[in-house]
Amino acid sequence: MTPSGIFPFQTLTADILGERARISPQRIALVSLETSRRFSYAEMNERALQCARMLAVVCRMGVGERVGILSGNRVEFLEVFGAAAKGGTVLVALNKRYTAHELRFILNDAGVKTLFYEGDCAATVAELRGDTSVEHFVALDEPATPGDLSYCAACDSVAEAAWEAPPCGGESLCCLLYTSGTTGKPKGVMIPHRMIASNGYNTAVCWQLRETDVTSVFTPLYHAGGLFAFLVPVWTAGGTIVLHREFQASQVWRTIAAERVTVALGVPTILQMLLDAPEFAHADVARLRWLISGGAPLSGELVEAYQRRGIVLKQGFGMTEVGVNCFTMSEAEAHEKVGSVGKPMLFTQARVVHADGRLALPEEVGELQIRGPHVCQGYWNNESATQQAIDKEGWFHTGDLAQQDADGFFYISGRSKDMYISGGVNVYPAEIEMALLAHPEVKDVAIVGVPDAVWGEVGAAYIVARSPENPPGDLAAFLGARVAKFKIPKTFHFVATLPRTAYGKVMKHALQSPAGPKNAAF
């Protein structure tokens, strides 16, 4: 029994917005670059409350019922998220880059009853009508079809006294976020209130966020990184979110100067684009304490380029299923331990395990496993996948390969599915990719294992050159001075872009498909 006055993580809810509105109602919670409006915590909280009332009264949504949103970054997205944290509905954030075919599966798998959509998604929504579980279509802009609800009008129609917030517990479901489905149908990650709250508090403390912090959010809100990696933690600390409609490198640098941004998060692809932007050399970064990277391995060359500009660049690690933030490091350690994601955050346990179950020794590569209050409940309607991912002791098996040094710092070696075996020896593409990124004429790279009659598997490198009309020469020779001979890819292919997810991860399964790579810009 929990002693009186002691509250475990299981009692926490995801209503960070409501708590901040109570403590610091007049502080600025959100700056919308799209509308040039500024919202206090009190204003954002009331807008989220009104959305929750509308869902309950107009759409007749009950506790645990699923609400979908198909939209880019906008204020209303955060209102719907806030409503889920208050009213017990479950937010299903949908990737607006998905086709109607992909979305149809997710809507029906989740049993989405109400779907919010913005104007530029109307054509996709038209393909979904009559063939999903959706009962109410709510337009964030002008309704695309007669009979659809107008979000603003529906919210305005509900009186404040018409609804009372139901109680939510730490294990109540708050969000369903679907994985990309690179190896099959997408899986819905069950994210309870406890998971969101613990990640917010832990990140705020371990990353030393402050109420004076200002951050630009330009990654998609429909991705776990957009909502949870930085937005919720910064709100937990009482800071300010500057919301970008989409990523534009020049706009980001202008915003960092104009809004006096102090911290920001991106993926290596975005950080490279920021580095390549003309504003990088002269932008005002006087207030910028640090940047942090996630989503993919970060090359040492990129870290050093930012260091030369006087900007601290850290590397983080997380997954939709575990938080999404799991490690922490100081600014000094970011310099001393380049390539490391740091040490596990408070109340987070991490270990490296061999395939036979043995704990790895320092410097040995194995699977990274994580346990803590920020781990998800499993996968929606998929008990077999849940059991494969979360063992009986509560360890989440990430599928990522990692190693730990003697000082307790963790390093990510890549995905276990990315690893290939050449001549009986394990090869980790991330190591070779980082070596190739050190070449001045290589802009982007991905390496995959392909079948080989002699060696079983060999590496195939897909290269984006900085000057497509003049691609770099003997890359095998360049690698020969940096990695062992067996690690050098047997083939090098020059492509215009690499296929990536909305959050910037390379879709290596597309490179390995018989049809070859399908170029897709970030």
Protein backbone atom coordinates (compact mmCIF):
# COMPACT_ATOMS: atom_id res chain seq x y z
CA MET A 1 0.00 0.00 0.00
CA THR A 2 1.28 3.45 -0.87
CA PRO A 3 1.80 5.58 2.28
CA SER A 4 -0.45 8.61 2.57
CA GLY A 5 1.04 11.65 0.83
CA ILE A 6 3.41 9.68 -1.44
CA PHE A 7 2.40 9.62 -5.08
CA PRO A 8 3.97 7.07 -7.45
CA PHE A 9 4.21 7.55 -11.20
CA GLN A 10 1.04 5.48 -11.63
CA THR A 11 -1.03 8.37 -10.24
CA LEU A 12 0.37 11.02 -12.60
CA THR A 13 -1.58 12.24 -15.61
CA ALA A 14 -0.49 13.81 -18.88
CA ASP A 15 -2.29 17.08 -18.14
CA ILE A 16 0.96 19.05 -17.91
CA LEU A 17 -0.81 22.00 -19.55
CA GLY A 18 -3.40 22.15 -16.80
CA GLU A 19 -0.79 22.01 -14.06
CA ARG A 20 1.28 24.77 -15.67
CA ALA A 21 -1.83 26.94 -16.13
CA ARG A 22 -2.41 26.59 -12.39
CA ILE A 23 1.16 27.50 -11.44
CA SER A 24 2.19 30.04 -14.08
CA PRO A 25 -0.95 31.05 -15.99
CA GLN A 26 0.43 34.23 -17.56
CA ARG A 27 3.73 32.84 -18.85
CA ILE A 28 3.86 32.35 -22.62
CA ALA A 29 3.32 28.68 -23.45
CA LEU A 30 3.19 28.89 -27.24
CA VAL A 31 4.22 31.14 -30.10
CA SER A 32 2.65 30.23 -33.45
CA LEU A 33 4.83 31.35 -36.33
CA GLU A 34 2.01 30.54 -38.77
CA THR A 35 -0.47 32.93 -37.14
CA SER A 36 1.96 35.26 -35.30
CA ARG A 37 -0.08 34.70 -32.13
CA ARG A 38 1.21 34.19 -28.60
CA PHE A 39 -0.72 32.11 -26.09
CA SER A 40 -0.30 32.05 -22.33
CA TYR A 41 -0.60 28.80 -20.39
CA ALA A 42 -4.03 29.94 -19.20
CA GLU A 43 -5.18 30.55 -22.79
CA MET A 44 -3.85 27.23 -24.11
CA ASN A 45 -5.38 25.41 -21.17
CA GLU A 46 -8.81 26.92 -21.79
CA ARG A 47 -8.63 26.10 -25.50
CA ALA A 48 -7.78 22.47 -24.66
CA LEU A 49 -10.64 22.35 -22.15
CA GLN A 50 -13.09 23.67 -24.73
CA CYS A 51 -11.93 21.01 -27.21
CA ALA A 52 -12.46 18.33 -24.55
CA ARG A 53 -15.98 19.67 -23.89
CA MET A 54 -16.77 19.65 -27.60
CA LEU A 55 -15.57 16.05 -28.00
CA ALA A 56 -17.73 14.90 -25.09
CA VAL A 57 -20.90 16.91 -25.86
CA VAL A 58 -20.96 17.25 -29.66
CA CYS A 59 -19.14 14.10 -30.74
CA ARG A 60 -20.28 12.07 -27.72
CA MET A 61 -16.78 10.71 -27.12
CA GLY A 62 -16.34 8.71 -23.95
CA VAL A 63 -13.31 7.81 -21.86
CA GLY A 64 -10.96 5.51 -23.77
CA GLU A 65 -12.50 6.21 -27.20
CA ARG A 66 -10.08 7.13 -29.95
CA VAL A 67 -9.75 10.52 -31.63
CA GLY A 68 -7.63 10.85 -34.77
CA ILE A 69 -5.95 13.96 -36.15
CA LEU A 70 -4.58 14.30 -39.67
CA SER A 71 -2.74 17.59 -39.70
CA GLY A 72 0.57 19.35 -39.85
CA ASN A 73 1.92 21.51 -37.03
CA ARG A 74 -0.69 24.00 -35.86
CA VAL A 75 -2.20 25.31 -32.63
CA GLU A 76 -5.30 23.12 -32.94
CA PHE A 77 -3.13 19.99 -32.92
CA LEU A 78 -1.94 20.89 -29.43
CA GLU A 79 -5.50 21.67 -28.35
CA VAL A 80 -6.63 18.17 -29.35
CA PHE A 81 -3.61 16.68 -27.56
CA GLY A 82 -4.43 18.72 -24.47
CA ALA A 83 -8.04 17.59 -24.65
CA ALA A 84 -6.96 13.93 -24.60
CA ALA A 85 -4.84 14.59 -21.52
CA LYS A 86 -7.89 16.14 -19.78
CA GLY A 87 -10.92 14.27 -21.02
CA GLY A 88 -9.89 10.64 -21.17
CA THR A 89 -10.09 10.29 -24.95
CA VAL A 90 -7.14 8.65 -26.73
CA LEU A 91 -5.28 10.66 -29.35
CA VAL A 92 -4.25 8.84 -32.52
CA ALA A 93 -1.78 11.14 -34.30
CA LEU A 94 -1.72 10.35 -38.02
CA ASN A 95 1.15 10.88 -40.42
CA LYS A 96 -0.14 13.29 -43.07
CA ARG A 97 2.34 11.87 -45.58
CA TYR A 98 0.57 8.49 -45.48
CA THR A 99 -1.70 7.38 -48.30
CA ALA A 100 -5.39 6.70 -47.78
CA HIS A 101 -4.58 2.99 -47.94
CA GLU A 102 -2.12 3.27 -45.05
CA LEU A 103 -4.41 5.51 -43.02
CA ARG A 104 -7.43 3.26 -43.52
CA PHE A 105 -5.66 0.39 -41.76
CA ILE A 106 -4.69 2.59 -38.80
CA LEU A 107 -8.13 4.17 -38.42
CA ASN A 108 -9.85 0.81 -38.40
CA ASP A 109 -7.22 -0.90 -36.25
CA ALA A 110 -7.51 1.85 -33.63
CA GLY A 111 -11.26 2.18 -34.00
CA VAL A 112 -11.06 5.93 -34.46
CA LYS A 113 -14.53 7.46 -33.94
CA THR A 114 -13.78 11.16 -34.54
CA LEU A 115 -11.28 12.44 -37.08
CA PHE A 116 -9.91 15.98 -37.16
CA TYR A 117 -8.42 17.03 -40.49
CA GLU A 118 -6.93 20.16 -42.01
CA GLY A 119 -7.68 21.58 -45.44
CA ASP A 120 -4.71 20.25 -47.35
CA CYS A 121 -5.61 16.70 -46.25
CA ALA A 122 -9.18 16.94 -47.57
CA ALA A 123 -8.48 14.89 -50.70
CA THR A 124 -7.04 12.05 -48.63
CA VAL A 125 -9.98 12.21 -46.22
CA ALA A 126 -12.38 11.99 -49.18
CA GLU A 127 -10.89 8.59 -50.04
CA LEU A 128 -11.49 7.39 -46.49
CA ARG A 129 -15.18 8.24 -46.20
CA GLY A 130 -17.55 5.33 -45.77
CA ASP A 131 -14.79 2.79 -45.41
CA THR A 132 -13.57 3.32 -41.84
CA SER A 133 -14.78 3.36 -38.25
CA VAL A 134 -14.98 7.19 -38.29
CA GLU A 135 -18.40 8.62 -37.33
CA HIS A 136 -17.53 12.32 -37.03
CA PHE A 137 -15.32 14.32 -39.38
CA VAL A 138 -14.17 17.63 -37.90
CA ALA A 139 -12.59 20.21 -40.21
CA LEU A 140 -9.89 22.40 -38.69
CA ASP A 141 -10.35 24.74 -41.67
CA GLU A 142 -13.43 25.00 -43.90
CA PRO A 143 -15.40 21.72 -44.01
CA ALA A 144 -14.59 19.84 -47.20
CA THR A 145 -17.92 17.99 -47.28
CA PRO A 146 -21.43 19.01 -46.22
CA GLY A 147 -22.18 17.41 -42.88
CA ASP A 148 -18.64 17.72 -41.55
CA LEU A 149 -18.31 19.67 -38.34
CA SER A 150 -16.46 22.97 -38.22
CA TYR A 151 -13.98 22.80 -35.35
CA CYS A 152 -14.36 26.44 -34.33
CA ALA A 153 -18.16 26.42 -34.57
CA ALA A 154 -18.45 23.13 -32.67
CA CYS A 155 -16.22 24.39 -29.87
CA ASP A 156 -18.12 27.68 -29.64
CA SER A 157 -21.42 25.83 -29.35
CA VAL A 158 -20.59 24.16 -26.04
CA ALA A 159 -21.13 25.99 -22.76
CA GLU A 160 -18.51 25.72 -20.04
CA ALA A 161 -20.97 24.10 -17.63
CA ALA A 162 -21.90 21.34 -20.07
CA TRP A 163 -19.10 18.98 -19.11
CA GLU A 164 -17.03 17.89 -16.15
CA ALA A 165 -13.62 16.26 -16.64
CA PRO A 166 -13.59 12.54 -15.79
CA PRO A 167 -10.83 11.13 -13.56
CA CYS A 168 -7.80 9.66 -15.35
CA GLY A 169 -5.15 7.42 -13.78
CA GLY A 170 -1.52 6.96 -14.65
CA GLU A 171 -2.25 3.75 -16.56
CA SER A 172 -5.17 5.25 -18.48
CA LEU A 173 -4.37 5.34 -22.18
CA CYS A 174 -3.67 8.83 -23.55
CA CYS A 175 -2.18 8.29 -27.03
CA LEU A 176 -1.83 5.65 -29.71
CA LEU A 177 1.13 6.34 -31.98
CA TYR A 178 1.69 3.96 -34.86
CA THR A 179 5.16 2.79 -35.85
CA SER A 180 6.24 3.08 -39.47
CA GLY A 181 5.60 -0.58 -40.23
CA THR A 182 8.89 -1.22 -42.03
CA THR A 183 8.58 -4.98 -41.46
CA GLY A 184 4.82 -5.35 -41.78
CA LYS A 185 1.63 -3.58 -40.77
CA PRO A 186 2.04 -0.59 -38.44
CA LYS A 187 1.75 -1.28 -34.72
CA GLY A 188 -0.03 1.09 -32.36
CA VAL A 189 2.16 1.96 -29.38
CA MET A 190 0.00 2.31 -26.26
CA ILE A 191 1.12 5.44 -24.40
CA PRO A 192 -0.48 5.87 -20.96
CA HIS A 193 -0.63 9.09 -18.94
CA ARG A 194 2.11 7.80 -16.62
CA MET A 195 4.53 7.45 -19.52
CA ILE A 196 4.02 11.03 -20.76
CA ALA A 197 4.28 12.54 -17.28
CA SER A 198 7.38 10.63 -16.23
CA ASN A 199 9.16 11.44 -19.49
CA GLY A 200 8.28 15.12 -19.09
CA TYR A 201 9.48 15.39 -15.51
CA ASN A 202 12.59 13.27 -16.01
CA THR A 203 13.68 15.12 -19.14
CA ALA A 204 13.10 18.52 -17.55
CA VAL A 205 15.27 17.56 -14.57
CA CYS A 206 18.02 15.59 -16.29
CA TRP A 207 18.39 17.98 -19.23
CA GLN A 208 18.24 20.91 -16.79
CA LEU A 209 15.42 22.69 -18.58
CA ARG A 210 14.24 26.01 -17.12
CA GLU A 211 11.10 28.13 -17.19
CA THR A 212 13.15 30.71 -19.12
CA ASP A 213 13.90 28.21 -21.89
CA VAL A 214 12.53 28.84 -25.37
CA THR A 215 12.60 26.14 -28.02
CA SER A 216 11.71 25.93 -31.69
CA VAL A 217 9.63 22.86 -32.57
CA PHE A 218 9.88 22.16 -36.29
CA THR A 219 9.64 18.37 -36.29
CA PRO A 220 6.18 16.90 -37.03
CA LEU A 221 3.80 16.83 -34.06
CA TYR A 222 2.30 13.59 -35.39
CA HIS A 223 5.60 11.91 -34.48
CA ALA A 224 6.51 10.99 -30.91
CA GLY A 225 9.59 13.19 -31.15
CA GLY A 226 7.50 16.22 -32.02
CA LEU A 227 5.16 15.90 -29.05
CA PHE A 228 7.22 14.21 -26.38
CA ALA A 229 10.93 14.67 -26.97
CA PHE A 230 10.88 18.39 -26.26
CA LEU A 231 7.41 19.93 -26.24
CA VAL A 232 6.06 18.19 -23.14
CA PRO A 233 9.36 18.51 -21.19
CA VAL A 234 9.65 22.24 -21.96
CA TRP A 235 6.03 22.77 -20.87
CA THR A 236 6.80 20.75 -17.74
CA ALA A 237 9.56 23.23 -16.93
CA GLY A 238 7.29 26.18 -17.74
CA GLY A 239 9.15 27.29 -20.87
CA THR A 240 7.94 28.50 -24.26
CA ILE A 241 7.35 26.56 -27.47
CA VAL A 242 7.84 28.34 -30.80
CA LEU A 243 5.83 26.24 -33.24
CA HIS A 244 6.93 26.06 -36.87
CA ARG A 245 4.46 24.90 -39.49
CA GLU A 246 7.26 22.88 -41.11
CA PHE A 247 11.03 22.78 -41.21
CA GLN A 248 12.77 25.51 -43.20
CA ALA A 249 16.43 25.98 -42.31
CA SER A 250 16.57 29.74 -42.93
CA GLN A 251 13.39 30.33 -40.94
CA VAL A 252 14.80 28.31 -38.03
CA TRP A 253 17.93 30.46 -37.82
CA ARG A 254 15.88 33.66 -38.04
CA THR A 255 13.59 32.37 -35.29
CA ILE A 256 16.49 31.36 -33.05
CA ALA A 257 17.63 34.98 -33.18
CA ALA A 258 14.25 36.72 -33.05
CA GLU A 259 12.67 34.58 -30.30
CA ARG A 260 15.92 34.18 -28.33
CA VAL A 261 15.78 30.38 -28.54
CA THR A 262 17.83 28.64 -25.85
CA VAL A 263 17.53 24.91 -26.67
CA ALA A 264 16.34 22.91 -29.67
CA LEU A 265 16.09 19.36 -30.94
CA GLY A 266 16.51 17.91 -34.42
CA VAL A 267 17.58 14.81 -36.29
CA PRO A 268 21.00 14.61 -38.01
CA THR A 269 19.41 15.32 -41.40
CA ILE A 270 17.93 18.58 -40.09
CA LEU A 271 21.14 19.52 -38.31
CA GLN A 272 23.06 19.02 -41.55
CA MET A 273 20.56 21.24 -43.41
CA LEU A 274 20.97 23.90 -40.73
CA LEU A 275 24.73 23.65 -41.10
CA ASP A 276 24.47 24.03 -44.88
CA ALA A 277 22.17 27.07 -44.66
CA PRO A 278 23.84 30.42 -45.38
CA GLU A 279 22.58 31.80 -42.04
CA PHE A 280 24.67 29.27 -40.08
CA ALA A 281 27.80 31.41 -40.20
CA HIS A 282 26.31 34.64 -38.88
CA ALA A 283 23.03 33.87 -37.06
CA ASP A 284 22.70 35.32 -33.55
CA VAL A 285 23.08 32.33 -31.22
CA ALA A 286 23.98 34.27 -28.09
CA ARG A 287 21.12 32.74 -26.10
CA LEU A 288 21.44 29.22 -27.52
CA ARG A 289 22.63 26.94 -24.71
CA TRP A 290 22.71 23.74 -26.77
CA LEU A 291 21.16 21.66 -29.52
CA ILE A 292 20.40 17.98 -29.18
CA SER A 293 20.13 15.33 -31.88
CA GLY A 294 18.03 12.19 -31.95
CA GLY A 295 16.52 9.69 -34.35
CA ALA A 296 19.76 8.46 -35.94
CA PRO A 297 23.51 8.23 -35.21
CA LEU A 298 25.26 11.60 -35.09
CA SER A 299 28.61 11.93 -36.85
CA GLY A 300 31.60 13.39 -35.03
CA GLU A 301 32.22 15.72 -37.95
CA LEU A 302 28.80 17.34 -37.46
CA VAL A 303 29.44 17.78 -33.74
CA GLU A 304 32.81 19.41 -34.46
CA ALA A 305 31.32 21.75 -37.07
CA TYR A 306 28.86 23.08 -34.51
CA GLN A 307 31.56 23.29 -31.86
CA ARG A 308 33.63 25.49 -34.17
CA ARG A 309 30.61 27.80 -34.37
CA GLY A 310 30.47 27.85 -30.56
CA ILE A 311 27.31 25.72 -30.35
CA VAL A 312 27.12 22.70 -28.06
CA LEU A 313 25.61 19.72 -29.90
CA LYS A 314 24.58 16.71 -27.83
CA GLN A 315 23.28 13.33 -28.94
CA GLY A 316 20.20 11.74 -27.43
CA PHE A 317 18.37 8.45 -27.84
CA GLY A 318 14.77 7.40 -27.56
CA MET A 319 11.97 5.46 -29.20
CA THR A 320 8.23 5.90 -29.40
CA GLU A 321 7.94 2.89 -27.10
CA VAL A 322 10.27 4.16 -24.37
CA GLY A 323 9.61 7.70 -23.57
CA VAL A 324 11.01 9.12 -25.90
CA ASN A 325 14.05 10.37 -23.96
CA CYS A 326 16.18 7.83 -22.12
CA PHE A 327 19.69 9.23 -21.66
CA THR A 328 21.36 12.42 -20.49
CA MET A 329 24.76 14.09 -20.59
CA SER A 330 26.24 17.42 -19.59
CA GLU A 331 27.59 20.01 -21.99
CA ALA A 332 31.16 19.08 -21.03
CA GLU A 333 30.46 15.38 -21.58
CA ALA A 334 29.09 16.18 -25.05
CA HIS A 335 32.63 17.33 -25.90
CA GLU A 336 34.45 14.55 -24.04
CA LYS A 337 32.25 11.66 -25.19
CA VAL A 338 31.48 12.46 -28.82
CA GLY A 339 29.30 9.70 -30.23
CA SER A 340 27.79 8.77 -26.87
CA VAL A 341 24.13 9.25 -25.98
CA GLY A 342 25.11 9.60 -22.33
CA LYS A 343 24.01 7.79 -19.18
CA PRO A 344 20.47 6.58 -18.38
CA MET A 345 18.21 9.26 -16.91
CA LEU A 346 16.85 9.10 -13.38
CA PHE A 347 14.78 5.98 -12.65
CA THR A 348 15.82 4.54 -16.05
CA GLN A 349 17.62 1.24 -16.24
CA ALA A 350 19.56 0.31 -19.37
CA ARG A 351 21.64 -2.74 -20.17
CA VAL A 352 23.39 -4.35 -23.14
CA VAL A 353 22.58 -8.03 -23.67
CA HIS A 354 23.99 -10.68 -26.00
CA ALA A 355 21.68 -12.86 -28.10
CA ASP A 356 22.17 -15.75 -25.64
CA GLY A 357 21.03 -13.61 -22.71
CA ARG A 358 24.46 -12.81 -21.27
CA LEU A 359 25.10 -9.27 -20.10
CA ALA A 360 27.70 -7.63 -22.32
CA LEU A 361 30.99 -6.48 -20.87
CA PRO A 362 32.19 -2.90 -21.45
CA GLU A 363 32.86 -2.18 -25.15
CA GLU A 364 30.98 -5.32 -26.27
CA VAL A 365 28.09 -4.85 -28.69
CA GLY A 366 24.69 -6.28 -27.86
CA GLU A 367 21.01 -5.37 -27.82
CA LEU A 368 20.02 -2.33 -25.78
CA GLN A 369 17.25 -3.07 -23.29
CA ILE A 370 15.47 -0.42 -21.20
CA ARG A 371 13.22 -0.50 -18.14
CA GLY A 372 11.50 2.35 -16.30
CA PRO A 373 8.28 4.32 -15.78
CA HIS A 374 8.54 5.80 -19.29
CA VAL A 375 8.11 2.44 -21.07
CA CYS A 376 4.86 1.92 -22.99
CA GLN A 377 2.13 -0.62 -22.19
CA GLY A 378 2.77 -2.55 -25.40
CA TYR A 379 1.09 -2.68 -28.80
CA TRP A 380 -2.62 -2.14 -29.44
CA ASN A 381 -4.50 -5.35 -30.25
CA ASN A 382 -1.18 -7.17 -30.73
CA GLU A 383 -0.34 -9.29 -27.71
CA SER A 384 2.28 -11.36 -29.54
CA ALA A 385 4.25 -8.23 -30.52
CA THR A 386 3.93 -6.94 -26.96
CA GLN A 387 5.33 -10.16 -25.50
CA GLN A 388 8.22 -10.10 -27.96
CA ALA A 389 9.10 -6.52 -27.05
CA ILE A 390 8.55 -6.47 -23.27
CA ASP A 391 9.78 -9.44 -21.25
CA LYS A 392 8.33 -10.69 -17.96
CA GLU A 393 10.77 -8.55 -15.95
CA GLY A 394 9.59 -5.37 -17.70
CA TRP A 395 12.65 -4.91 -19.94
CA PHE A 396 11.85 -3.40 -23.33
CA HIS A 397 13.92 -5.00 -26.10
CA THR A 398 14.74 -2.07 -28.36
CA GLY A 399 16.24 -3.96 -31.30
CA ASP A 400 19.05 -1.39 -31.25
CA LEU A 401 22.66 -2.47 -30.93
CA ALA A 402 24.70 -0.64 -28.33
CA GLN A 403 27.76 -0.78 -26.17
CA GLN A 404 28.70 0.75 -22.83
CA ASP A 405 32.12 2.10 -21.94
CA ALA A 406 33.91 1.70 -18.61
CA ASP A 407 32.53 5.06 -17.43
CA GLY A 408 28.90 4.01 -17.93
CA PHE A 409 28.28 5.96 -21.14
CA PHE A 410 26.24 4.27 -23.85
CA TYR A 411 26.93 4.29 -27.60
CA ILE A 412 24.43 3.21 -30.27
CA SER A 413 25.86 0.92 -32.95
CA GLY A 414 22.73 0.74 -35.14
CA ARG A 415 19.64 -1.39 -35.49
CA SER A 416 19.96 -5.14 -35.10
CA LYS A 417 17.98 -5.48 -38.34
CA ASP A 418 20.56 -3.25 -40.06
CA MET A 419 23.46 -5.46 -39.04
CA TYR A 420 24.59 -7.94 -41.65
CA ILE A 421 27.00 -10.87 -41.51
CA SER A 422 29.78 -10.96 -44.08
CA GLY A 423 31.99 -14.04 -44.10
CA GLY A 424 30.78 -14.93 -40.61
CA VAL A 425 31.66 -11.51 -39.17
CA ASN A 426 29.11 -8.98 -37.87
CA VAL A 427 29.15 -5.64 -39.71
CA TYR A 428 27.44 -2.57 -38.25
CA PRO A 429 26.49 -0.04 -40.97
CA ALA A 430 26.37 2.95 -38.61
CA GLU A 431 30.14 2.79 -38.09
CA ILE A 432 30.84 2.82 -41.82
CA GLU A 433 28.24 5.51 -42.50
CA MET A 434 29.95 7.83 -40.01
CA ALA A 435 33.31 7.18 -41.64
CA LEU A 436 31.91 8.06 -45.07
CA LEU A 437 30.28 11.24 -43.76
CA ALA A 438 33.80 12.47 -42.94
CA HIS A 439 34.44 12.72 -46.69
CA PRO A 440 34.02 16.36 -47.72
CA GLU A 441 32.08 15.45 -50.86
CA VAL A 442 29.58 13.09 -49.15
CA LYS A 443 26.36 14.78 -48.04
CA ASP A 444 24.32 11.76 -46.98
CA VAL A 445 24.80 8.00 -46.88
CA ALA A 446 23.06 4.75 -46.01
CA ILE A 447 24.53 1.25 -46.06
CA VAL A 448 22.56 -1.97 -46.26
CA GLY A 449 23.47 -5.63 -46.44
CA VAL A 450 22.70 -7.43 -49.70
CA PRO A 451 23.03 -11.13 -50.59
CA ASP A 452 26.37 -12.35 -51.93
CA ALA A 453 27.19 -15.81 -53.30
CA VAL A 454 30.64 -15.90 -51.68
CA TRP A 455 30.37 -13.95 -48.43
CA GLY A 456 26.70 -14.48 -47.64
CA GLU A 457 26.12 -10.73 -47.37
CA VAL A 458 28.10 -7.67 -48.38
CA GLY A 459 27.56 -3.96 -47.98
CA ALA A 460 25.90 -1.71 -50.55
CA ALA A 461 26.38 2.03 -50.02
CA TYR A 462 23.89 4.63 -51.24
CA ILE A 463 25.52 8.04 -51.46
CA VAL A 464 24.12 11.55 -51.85
CA ALA A 465 26.98 13.68 -53.20
CA ARG A 466 27.37 17.35 -52.35
CA SER A 467 27.97 18.00 -56.05
CA PRO A 468 25.83 15.50 -58.00
CA GLU A 469 27.49 16.52 -61.26
CA ASN A 470 30.91 15.69 -59.78
CA PRO A 471 30.52 12.69 -57.40
CA PRO A 472 33.48 11.72 -55.19
CA GLY A 473 36.01 9.25 -56.52
CA ASP A 474 37.45 6.14 -54.91
CA LEU A 475 35.40 5.90 -51.72
CA ALA A 476 36.65 2.39 -51.07
CA ALA A 477 40.17 3.75 -50.80
CA PHE A 478 38.96 6.53 -48.53
CA LEU A 479 37.39 3.96 -46.22
CA GLY A 480 40.46 1.73 -46.38
CA ALA A 481 42.33 4.07 -44.04
CA ARG A 482 39.44 4.19 -41.57
CA VAL A 483 37.78 0.77 -41.29
CA ALA A 484 38.77 -2.86 -41.69
CA LYS A 485 38.74 -4.21 -45.24
CA PHE A 486 35.79 -6.57 -44.64
CA LYS A 487 33.63 -3.60 -43.65
CA ILE A 488 34.11 -1.73 -46.93
CA PRO A 489 30.96 -1.90 -49.10
CA LYS A 490 31.32 -3.82 -52.32
CA THR A 491 29.16 -1.40 -54.30
CA PHE A 492 28.60 2.36 -54.21
CA HIS A 493 25.44 3.87 -55.70
CA PHE A 494 24.90 7.62 -56.14
CA VAL A 495 21.33 8.78 -55.61
CA ALA A 496 19.61 12.17 -55.50
CA THR A 497 18.10 11.61 -52.03
CA LEU A 498 17.60 8.83 -49.52
CA PRO A 499 14.09 7.60 -48.65
CA ARG A 500 13.29 8.85 -45.17
CA THR A 501 10.42 8.83 -42.72
CA ALA A 502 8.77 12.08 -41.66
CA TYR A 503 11.17 12.20 -38.71
CA GLY A 504 14.27 11.78 -40.87
CA LYS A 505 15.13 8.11 -40.43
CA VAL A 506 16.37 6.32 -43.52
CA MET A 507 13.94 3.62 -44.68
CA LYS A 508 16.55 0.97 -45.38
CA HIS A 509 13.96 -1.61 -46.36
CA ALA A 510 13.22 0.59 -49.40
CA LEU A 511 16.90 0.47 -50.38
CA GLN A 512 16.90 -3.30 -50.08
CA SER A 513 13.72 -3.84 -52.08
CA PRO A 514 14.02 -5.58 -55.47
CA ALA A 515 12.79 -2.39 -57.15
CA GLY A 516 15.72 -0.48 -55.72
CA PRO A 517 15.71 2.80 -53.80
CA LYS A 518 12.73 5.10 -53.99
CA ASN A 519 14.02 8.60 -53.48
CA ALA A 520 12.09 10.68 -51.00
CA ALA A 521 13.18 14.03 -49.65
CA PHE A 522 12.76 14.80 -45.96
